[in-house]
Amino acid sequence: MEMQRSKKFREIEERRAQQVDSLMQQAMQHRKDGDYSAAINVLRQVIVIDPRNQPARWLMDILEDQHQYRRARETRRQFYKRSREALEDI
């Protein structure tokens, strides 16, 4: 009985590890493609499955910072564009 439980537990852990590995690969591909939002969403799934997964948490923090930086840079670019257009109309 104990051996069956132990075997079942190992199987569950192996499936969980495989799922985490697969999701981490997906997150890395999204990152490589520049789709930070998708990568962050996948990393959130990893953390739900494995809350102690430090690489996923670390990568998610970095990607959130990069995503926020990109959005701020785009906002600044739009501001400068509109400012130039407004000054040209004067």
PDB file of N, CA and C in Angstrom:
ATOM      1  N   MET A   1       0.824  -1.194   0.000  1.00  0.00           N
ATOM      2  CA  MET A   1       0.000   0.000   0.000  1.00  0.00           C
ATOM      3  C   MET A   1       0.871   1.262   0.000  1.00  0.00           C
ATOM      4  N   GLU A   2       1.863   1.271   0.878  1.00  0.00           N
ATOM      5  CA  GLU A   2       2.761   2.424   0.968  1.00  0.00           C
ATOM      6  C   GLU A   2       3.545   2.604  -0.330  1.00  0.00           C
ATOM      7  N   MET A   3       3.954   1.510  -0.947  1.00  0.00           N
ATOM      8  CA  MET A   3       4.700   1.589  -2.199  1.00  0.00           C
ATOM      9  C   MET A   3       3.827   2.160  -3.312  1.00  0.00           C
ATOM     10  N   GLN A   4       2.553   1.796  -3.315  1.00  0.00           N
ATOM     11  CA  GLN A   4       1.636   2.323  -4.327  1.00  0.00           C
ATOM     12  C   GLN A   4       1.463   3.831  -4.174  1.00  0.00           C
ATOM     13  N   ARG A   5       1.327   4.265  -2.934  1.00  0.00           N
ATOM     14  CA  ARG A   5       1.204   5.698  -2.677  1.00  0.00           C
ATOM     15  C   ARG A   5       2.466   6.432  -3.086  1.00  0.00           C
ATOM     16  N   SER A   6       3.599   5.847  -2.747  1.00  0.00           N
ATOM     17  CA  SER A   6       4.878   6.454  -3.097  1.00  0.00           C
ATOM     18  C   SER A   6       5.043   6.546  -4.614  1.00  0.00           C
ATOM     19  N   LYS A   7       4.673   5.478  -5.300  1.00  0.00           N
ATOM     20  CA  LYS A   7       4.761   5.461  -6.761  1.00  0.00           C
ATOM     21  C   LYS A   7       3.822   6.511  -7.359  1.00  0.00           C
ATOM     22  N   LYS A   8       2.615   6.578  -6.853  1.00  0.00           N
ATOM     23  CA  LYS A   8       1.625   7.548  -7.334  1.00  0.00           C
ATOM     24  C   LYS A   8       2.126   8.978  -7.108  1.00  0.00           C
ATOM     25  N   PHE A   9       2.706   9.211  -5.943  1.00  0.00           N
ATOM     26  CA  PHE A   9       3.241  10.532  -5.624  1.00  0.00           C
ATOM     27  C   PHE A   9       4.352  10.909  -6.602  1.00  0.00           C
ATOM     28  N   ARG A  10       5.265   9.980  -6.888  1.00  0.00           N
ATOM     29  CA  ARG A  10       6.355  10.239  -7.839  1.00  0.00           C
ATOM     30  C   ARG A  10       5.807  10.554  -9.225  1.00  0.00           C
ATOM     31  N   GLU A  11       4.786   9.817  -9.640  1.00  0.00           N
ATOM     32  CA  GLU A  11       4.177  10.056 -10.951  1.00  0.00           C
ATOM     33  C   GLU A  11       3.564  11.456 -11.025  1.00  0.00           C
ATOM     34  N   ILE A  12       2.893  11.844  -9.965  1.00  0.00           N
ATOM     35  CA  ILE A  12       2.290  13.181  -9.915  1.00  0.00           C
ATOM     36  C   ILE A  12       3.374  14.245  -9.967  1.00  0.00           C
ATOM     37  N   GLU A  13       4.434  14.052  -9.203  1.00  0.00           N
ATOM     38  CA  GLU A  13       5.540  15.010  -9.193  1.00  0.00           C
ATOM     39  C   GLU A  13       6.215  15.103 -10.559  1.00  0.00           C
ATOM     40  N   GLU A  14       6.377  13.973 -11.223  1.00  0.00           N
ATOM     41  CA  GLU A  14       6.987  13.967 -12.554  1.00  0.00           C
ATOM     42  C   GLU A  14       6.118  14.718 -13.557  1.00  0.00           C
ATOM     43  N   ARG A  15       4.814  14.485 -13.508  1.00  0.00           N
ATOM     44  CA  ARG A  15       3.895  15.197 -14.414  1.00  0.00           C
ATOM     45  C   ARG A  15       3.926  16.696 -14.144  1.00  0.00           C
ATOM     46  N   ARG A  16       3.955  17.044 -12.877  1.00  0.00           N
ATOM     47  CA  ARG A  16       4.001  18.460 -12.507  1.00  0.00           C
ATOM     48  C   ARG A  16       5.285  19.100 -13.010  1.00  0.00           C
ATOM     49  N   ALA A  17       6.405  18.403 -12.829  1.00  0.00           N
ATOM     50  CA  ALA A  17       7.691  18.923 -13.299  1.00  0.00           C
ATOM     51  C   ALA A  17       7.697  19.075 -14.817  1.00  0.00           C
ATOM     52  N   GLN A  18       7.124  18.111 -15.525  1.00  0.00           N
ATOM     53  CA  GLN A  18       7.049  18.200 -16.985  1.00  0.00           C
ATOM     54  C   GLN A  18       6.179  19.379 -17.413  1.00  0.00           C
ATOM     55  N   GLN A  19       5.081  19.563 -16.718  1.00  0.00           N
ATOM     56  CA  GLN A  19       4.187  20.671 -17.046  1.00  0.00           C
ATOM     57  C   GLN A  19       4.887  22.010 -16.805  1.00  0.00           C
ATOM     58  N   VAL A  20       5.596  22.114 -15.690  1.00  0.00           N
ATOM     59  CA  VAL A  20       6.332  23.341 -15.386  1.00  0.00           C
ATOM     60  C   VAL A  20       7.402  23.587 -16.448  1.00  0.00           C
ATOM     61  N   ASP A  21       8.146  22.553 -16.827  1.00  0.00           N
ATOM     62  CA  ASP A  21       9.175  22.701 -17.861  1.00  0.00           C
ATOM     63  C   ASP A  21       8.564  23.176 -19.175  1.00  0.00           C
ATOM     64  N   SER A  22       7.451  22.580 -19.550  1.00  0.00           N
ATOM     65  CA  SER A  22       6.781  22.965 -20.792  1.00  0.00           C
ATOM     66  C   SER A  22       6.327  24.425 -20.741  1.00  0.00           C
ATOM     67  N   LEU A  23       5.747  24.822 -19.626  1.00  0.00           N
ATOM     68  CA  LEU A  23       5.292  26.204 -19.484  1.00  0.00           C
ATOM     69  C   LEU A  23       6.465  27.182 -19.475  1.00  0.00           C
ATOM     70  N   MET A  24       7.566  26.806 -18.840  1.00  0.00           N
ATOM     71  CA  MET A  24       8.746  27.676 -18.834  1.00  0.00           C
ATOM     72  C   MET A  24       9.277  27.855 -20.256  1.00  0.00           C
ATOM     73  N   GLN A  25       9.274  26.794 -21.036  1.00  0.00           N
ATOM     74  CA  GLN A  25       9.708  26.905 -22.432  1.00  0.00           C
ATOM     75  C   GLN A  25       8.782  27.837 -23.212  1.00  0.00           C
ATOM     76  N   GLN A  26       7.483  27.723 -22.962  1.00  0.00           N
ATOM     77  CA  GLN A  26       6.525  28.623 -23.620  1.00  0.00           C
ATOM     78  C   GLN A  26       6.798  30.073 -23.234  1.00  0.00           C
ATOM     79  N   ALA A  27       7.030  30.298 -21.947  1.00  0.00           N
ATOM     80  CA  ALA A  27       7.300  31.658 -21.472  1.00  0.00           C
ATOM     81  C   ALA A  27       8.557  32.218 -22.128  1.00  0.00           C
ATOM     82  N   MET A  28       9.588  31.395 -22.233  1.00  0.00           N
ATOM     83  CA  MET A  28      10.829  31.849 -22.854  1.00  0.00           C
ATOM     84  C   MET A  28      10.615  32.158 -24.336  1.00  0.00           C
ATOM     85  N   GLN A  29       9.791  31.372 -25.002  1.00  0.00           N
ATOM     86  CA  GLN A  29       9.515  31.639 -26.421  1.00  0.00           C
ATOM     87  C   GLN A  29       8.743  32.948 -26.580  1.00  0.00           C
ATOM     88  N   HIS A  30       7.757  33.170 -25.712  1.00  0.00           N
ATOM     89  CA  HIS A  30       7.017  34.436 -25.756  1.00  0.00           C
ATOM     90  C   HIS A  30       7.960  35.607 -25.503  1.00  0.00           C
ATOM     91  N   ARG A  31       8.866  35.438 -24.556  1.00  0.00           N
ATOM     92  CA  ARG A  31       9.846  36.490 -24.262  1.00  0.00           C
ATOM     93  C   ARG A  31      10.703  36.754 -25.489  1.00  0.00           C
ATOM     94  N   LYS A  32      11.180  35.694 -26.107  1.00  0.00           N
ATOM     95  CA  LYS A  32      12.021  35.814 -27.301  1.00  0.00           C
ATOM     96  C   LYS A  32      11.265  36.533 -28.421  1.00  0.00           C
ATOM     97  N   ASP A  33       9.967  36.260 -28.529  1.00  0.00           N
ATOM     98  CA  ASP A  33       9.128  36.892 -29.551  1.00  0.00           C
ATOM     99  C   ASP A  33       8.751  38.331 -29.191  1.00  0.00           C
ATOM    100  N   GLY A  34       9.078  38.747 -27.965  1.00  0.00           N
ATOM    101  CA  GLY A  34       8.751  40.099 -27.527  1.00  0.00           C
ATOM    102  C   GLY A  34       7.341  40.247 -26.987  1.00  0.00           C
ATOM    103  N   ASP A  35       6.654  39.143 -26.783  1.00  0.00           N
ATOM    104  CA  ASP A  35       5.285  39.171 -26.256  1.00  0.00           C
ATOM    105  C   ASP A  35       5.338  38.991 -24.737  1.00  0.00           C
ATOM    106  N   TYR A  36       5.677  40.078 -24.053  1.00  0.00           N
ATOM    107  CA  TYR A  36       5.881  40.014 -22.611  1.00  0.00           C
ATOM    108  C   TYR A  36       4.597  39.698 -21.854  1.00  0.00           C
ATOM    109  N   SER A  37       3.475  40.206 -22.319  1.00  0.00           N
ATOM    110  CA  SER A  37       2.206  39.925 -21.632  1.00  0.00           C
ATOM    111  C   SER A  37       1.906  38.431 -21.621  1.00  0.00           C
ATOM    112  N   ALA A  38       2.089  37.785 -22.763  1.00  0.00           N
ATOM    113  CA  ALA A  38       1.843  36.342 -22.838  1.00  0.00           C
ATOM    114  C   ALA A  38       2.827  35.585 -21.958  1.00  0.00           C
ATOM    115  N   ALA A  39       4.084  36.005 -21.965  1.00  0.00           N
ATOM    116  CA  ALA A  39       5.094  35.343 -21.134  1.00  0.00           C
ATOM    117  C   ALA A  39       4.739  35.466 -19.657  1.00  0.00           C
ATOM    118  N   ILE A  40       4.317  36.639 -19.250  1.00  0.00           N
ATOM    119  CA  ILE A  40       3.941  36.867 -17.850  1.00  0.00           C
ATOM    120  C   ILE A  40       2.749  35.995 -17.471  1.00  0.00           C
ATOM    121  N   ASN A  41       1.769  35.893 -18.356  1.00  0.00           N
ATOM    122  CA  ASN A  41       0.604  35.046 -18.070  1.00  0.00           C
ATOM    123  C   ASN A  41       1.000  33.581 -17.912  1.00  0.00           C
ATOM    124  N   VAL A  42       1.907  33.107 -18.748  1.00  0.00           N
ATOM    125  CA  VAL A  42       2.370  31.721 -18.637  1.00  0.00           C
ATOM    126  C   VAL A  42       3.135  31.529 -17.332  1.00  0.00           C
ATOM    127  N   LEU A  43       3.964  32.497 -16.968  1.00  0.00           N
ATOM    128  CA  LEU A  43       4.720  32.391 -15.714  1.00  0.00           C
ATOM    129  C   LEU A  43       3.788  32.382 -14.503  1.00  0.00           C
ATOM    130  N   ARG A  44       2.698  33.083 -14.592  1.00  0.00           N
ATOM    131  CA  ARG A  44       1.710  33.037 -13.502  1.00  0.00           C
ATOM    132  C   ARG A  44       1.155  31.625 -13.347  1.00  0.00           C
ATOM    133  N   GLN A  45       0.957  30.941 -14.475  1.00  0.00           N
ATOM    134  CA  GLN A  45       0.497  29.552 -14.417  1.00  0.00           C
ATOM    135  C   GLN A  45       1.540  28.671 -13.732  1.00  0.00           C
ATOM    136  N   VAL A  46       2.809  28.914 -14.040  1.00  0.00           N
ATOM    137  CA  VAL A  46       3.886  28.142 -13.410  1.00  0.00           C
ATOM    138  C   VAL A  46       3.837  28.334 -11.899  1.00  0.00           C
ATOM    139  N   ILE A  47       3.662  29.564 -11.468  1.00  0.00           N
ATOM    140  CA  ILE A  47       3.667  29.867 -10.036  1.00  0.00           C
ATOM    141  C   ILE A  47       2.452  29.265  -9.333  1.00  0.00           C
ATOM    142  N   VAL A  48       1.335  29.157 -10.032  1.00  0.00           N
ATOM    143  CA  VAL A  48       0.168  28.487  -9.447  1.00  0.00           C
ATOM    144  C   VAL A  48       0.488  27.011  -9.216  1.00  0.00           C
ATOM    145  N   ILE A  49       1.149  26.399 -10.187  1.00  0.00           N
ATOM    146  CA  ILE A  49       1.501  24.983 -10.075  1.00  0.00           C
ATOM    147  C   ILE A  49       2.604  24.772  -9.049  1.00  0.00           C
ATOM    148  N   ASP A  50       3.595  25.673  -9.071  1.00  0.00           N
ATOM    149  CA  ASP A  50       4.759  25.534  -8.195  1.00  0.00           C
ATOM    150  C   ASP A  50       5.085  26.890  -7.566  1.00  0.00           C
ATOM    151  N   PRO A  51       4.436  27.232  -6.459  1.00  0.00           N
ATOM    152  CA  PRO A  51       4.622  28.546  -5.844  1.00  0.00           C
ATOM    153  C   PRO A  51       6.058  28.855  -5.417  1.00  0.00           C
ATOM    154  N   ARG A  52       6.876  27.844  -5.256  1.00  0.00           N
ATOM    155  CA  ARG A  52       8.262  28.064  -4.827  1.00  0.00           C
ATOM    156  C   ARG A  52       9.245  28.137  -5.998  1.00  0.00           C
ATOM    157  N   ASN A  53       8.744  28.187  -7.204  1.00  0.00           N
ATOM    158  CA  ASN A  53       9.609  28.214  -8.380  1.00  0.00           C
ATOM    159  C   ASN A  53      10.245  29.599  -8.506  1.00  0.00           C
ATOM    160  N   GLN A  54      11.454  29.729  -7.968  1.00  0.00           N
ATOM    161  CA  GLN A  54      12.144  31.018  -7.963  1.00  0.00           C
ATOM    162  C   GLN A  54      12.516  31.510  -9.361  1.00  0.00           C
ATOM    163  N   PRO A  55      12.975  30.644 -10.272  1.00  0.00           N
ATOM    164  CA  PRO A  55      13.272  31.151 -11.620  1.00  0.00           C
ATOM    165  C   PRO A  55      12.048  31.778 -12.296  1.00  0.00           C
ATOM    166  N   ALA A  56      10.877  31.188 -12.103  1.00  0.00           N
ATOM    167  CA  ALA A  56       9.659  31.750 -12.701  1.00  0.00           C
ATOM    168  C   ALA A  56       9.331  33.104 -12.075  1.00  0.00           C
ATOM    169  N   ARG A  57       9.461  33.202 -10.770  1.00  0.00           N
ATOM    170  CA  ARG A  57       9.193  34.475 -10.092  1.00  0.00           C
ATOM    171  C   ARG A  57      10.188  35.549 -10.528  1.00  0.00           C
ATOM    172  N   TRP A  58      11.448  35.168 -10.604  1.00  0.00           N
ATOM    173  CA  TRP A  58      12.501  36.094 -11.005  1.00  0.00           C
ATOM    174  C   TRP A  58      12.252  36.600 -12.426  1.00  0.00           C
ATOM    175  N   LEU A  59      11.977  35.672 -13.343  1.00  0.00           N
ATOM    176  CA  LEU A  59      11.738  36.044 -14.734  1.00  0.00           C
ATOM    177  C   LEU A  59      10.479  36.898 -14.861  1.00  0.00           C
ATOM    178  N   MET A  60       9.450  36.567 -14.109  1.00  0.00           N
ATOM    179  CA  MET A  60       8.223  37.355 -14.162  1.00  0.00           C
ATOM    180  C   MET A  60       8.484  38.791 -13.705  1.00  0.00           C
ATOM    181  N   ASP A  61       9.259  38.970 -12.643  1.00  0.00           N
ATOM    182  CA  ASP A  61       9.600  40.317 -12.177  1.00  0.00           C
ATOM    183  C   ASP A  61      10.335  41.101 -13.259  1.00  0.00           C
ATOM    184  N   ILE A  62      11.295  40.455 -13.898  1.00  0.00           N
ATOM    185  CA  ILE A  62      12.066  41.121 -14.951  1.00  0.00           C
ATOM    186  C   ILE A  62      11.161  41.498 -16.121  1.00  0.00           C
ATOM    187  N   LEU A  63      10.329  40.560 -16.546  1.00  0.00           N
ATOM    188  CA  LEU A  63       9.453  40.831 -17.689  1.00  0.00           C
ATOM    189  C   LEU A  63       8.418  41.905 -17.378  1.00  0.00           C
ATOM    190  N   GLU A  64       7.915  41.919 -16.160  1.00  0.00           N
ATOM    191  CA  GLU A  64       6.973  42.979 -15.785  1.00  0.00           C
ATOM    192  C   GLU A  64       7.657  44.338 -15.859  1.00  0.00           C
ATOM    193  N   ASP A  65       8.909  44.420 -15.380  1.00  0.00           N
ATOM    194  CA  ASP A  65       9.663  45.671 -15.466  1.00  0.00           C
ATOM    195  C   ASP A  65       9.903  46.070 -16.919  1.00  0.00           C
ATOM    196  N   GLN A  66      10.311  45.111 -17.749  1.00  0.00           N
ATOM    197  CA  GLN A  66      10.562  45.406 -19.156  1.00  0.00           C
ATOM    198  C   GLN A  66       9.278  45.826 -19.863  1.00  0.00           C
ATOM    199  N   HIS A  67       8.190  45.152 -19.555  1.00  0.00           N
ATOM    200  CA  HIS A  67       6.901  45.481 -20.172  1.00  0.00           C
ATOM    201  C   HIS A  67       6.477  46.901 -19.784  1.00  0.00           C
ATOM    202  N   GLN A  68       6.642  47.223 -18.523  1.00  0.00           N
ATOM    203  CA  GLN A  68       6.288  48.562 -18.054  1.00  0.00           C
ATOM    204  C   GLN A  68       7.187  49.607 -18.718  1.00  0.00           C
ATOM    205  N   TYR A  69       8.471  49.301 -18.859  1.00  0.00           N
ATOM    206  CA  TYR A  69       9.399  50.224 -19.510  1.00  0.00           C
ATOM    207  C   TYR A  69       8.999  50.447 -20.964  1.00  0.00           C
ATOM    208  N   ARG A  70       8.648  49.377 -21.675  1.00  0.00           N
ATOM    209  CA  ARG A  70       8.218  49.510 -23.078  1.00  0.00           C
ATOM    210  C   ARG A  70       6.970  50.375 -23.199  1.00  0.00           C
ATOM    211  N   ARG A  71       6.026  50.163 -22.302  1.00  0.00           N
ATOM    212  CA  ARG A  71       4.799  50.972 -22.347  1.00  0.00           C
ATOM    213  C   ARG A  71       5.112  52.441 -22.077  1.00  0.00           C
ATOM    214  N   ALA A  72       5.989  52.704 -21.115  1.00  0.00           N
ATOM    215  CA  ALA A  72       6.361  54.086 -20.806  1.00  0.00           C
ATOM    216  C   ALA A  72       7.090  54.720 -21.991  1.00  0.00           C
ATOM    217  N   ARG A  73       7.955  53.963 -22.629  1.00  0.00           N
ATOM    218  CA  ARG A  73       8.687  54.471 -23.790  1.00  0.00           C
ATOM    219  C   ARG A  73       7.723  54.791 -24.935  1.00  0.00           C
ATOM    220  N   GLU A  74       6.742  53.934 -25.148  1.00  0.00           N
ATOM    221  CA  GLU A  74       5.751  54.177 -26.205  1.00  0.00           C
ATOM    222  C   GLU A  74       4.901  55.403 -25.874  1.00  0.00           C
ATOM    223  N   THR A  75       4.533  55.560 -24.617  1.00  0.00           N
ATOM    224  CA  THR A  75       3.764  56.736 -24.202  1.00  0.00           C
ATOM    225  C   THR A  75       4.569  58.000 -24.451  1.00  0.00           C
ATOM    226  N   ARG A  76       5.850  57.960 -24.103  1.00  0.00           N
ATOM    227  CA  ARG A  76       6.725  59.116 -24.327  1.00  0.00           C
ATOM    228  C   ARG A  76       6.842  59.423 -25.822  1.00  0.00           C
ATOM    229  N   ARG A  77       6.989  58.393 -26.639  1.00  0.00           N
ATOM    230  CA  ARG A  77       7.105  58.577 -28.084  1.00  0.00           C
ATOM    231  C   ARG A  77       5.846  59.242 -28.640  1.00  0.00           C
ATOM    232  N   GLN A  78       4.687  58.773 -28.188  1.00  0.00           N
ATOM    233  CA  GLN A  78       3.419  59.366 -28.629  1.00  0.00           C
ATOM    234  C   GLN A  78       3.306  60.824 -28.185  1.00  0.00           C
ATOM    235  N   PHE A  79       3.747  61.105 -26.968  1.00  0.00           N
ATOM    236  CA  PHE A  79       3.709  62.475 -26.455  1.00  0.00           C
ATOM    237  C   PHE A  79       4.568  63.392 -27.317  1.00  0.00           C
ATOM    238  N   TYR A  80       5.795  62.976 -27.629  1.00  0.00           N
ATOM    239  CA  TYR A  80       6.686  63.790 -28.458  1.00  0.00           C
ATOM    240  C   TYR A  80       6.120  63.977 -29.864  1.00  0.00           C
ATOM    241  N   LYS A  81       5.525  62.936 -30.403  1.00  0.00           N
ATOM    242  CA  LYS A  81       4.934  63.023 -31.739  1.00  0.00           C
ATOM    243  C   LYS A  81       3.805  64.050 -31.752  1.00  0.00           C
ATOM    244  N   ARG A  82       2.933  63.972 -30.772  1.00  0.00           N
ATOM    245  CA  ARG A  82       1.810  64.916 -30.714  1.00  0.00           C
ATOM    246  C   ARG A  82       2.290  66.334 -30.427  1.00  0.00           C
ATOM    247  N   SER A  83       3.329  66.452 -29.616  1.00  0.00           N
ATOM    248  CA  SER A  83       3.887  67.777 -29.332  1.00  0.00           C
ATOM    249  C   SER A  83       4.444  68.395 -30.605  1.00  0.00           C
ATOM    250  N   ARG A  84       5.194  67.617 -31.383  1.00  0.00           N
ATOM    251  CA  ARG A  84       5.736  68.117 -32.652  1.00  0.00           C
ATOM    252  C   ARG A  84       4.612  68.529 -33.598  1.00  0.00           C
ATOM    253  N   GLU A  85       3.580  67.693 -33.687  1.00  0.00           N
ATOM    254  CA  GLU A  85       2.452  68.012 -34.563  1.00  0.00           C
ATOM    255  C   GLU A  85       1.761  69.299 -34.122  1.00  0.00           C
ATOM    256  N   ALA A  86       1.616  69.473 -32.821  1.00  0.00           N
ATOM    257  CA  ALA A  86       0.972  70.680 -32.301  1.00  0.00           C
ATOM    258  C   ALA A  86       1.826  71.906 -32.595  1.00  0.00           C
ATOM    259  N   LEU A  87       3.146  71.790 -32.462  1.00  0.00           N
ATOM    260  CA  LEU A  87       4.032  72.922 -32.726  1.00  0.00           C
ATOM    261  C   LEU A  87       4.081  73.256 -34.213  1.00  0.00           C
ATOM    262  N   GLU A  88       3.941  72.258 -35.061  1.00  0.00           N
ATOM    263  CA  GLU A  88       3.941  72.503 -36.502  1.00  0.00           C
ATOM    264  C   GLU A  88       2.698  73.273 -36.927  1.00  0.00           C
ATOM    265  N   ASP A  89       1.623  73.114 -36.181  1.00  0.00           N
ATOM    266  CA  ASP A  89       0.376  73.804 -36.509  1.00  0.00           C
ATOM    267  C   ASP A  89       0.396  75.274 -36.099  1.00  0.00           C
ATOM    268  N   ILE A  90       1.388  75.658 -35.315  1.00  0.00           N
ATOM    269  CA  ILE A  90       1.447  77.049 -34.818  1.00  0.00           C
ATOM    270  C   ILE A  90       2.022  77.944 -35.879  1.00  0.00           C
TER     271      ILE A  90
END
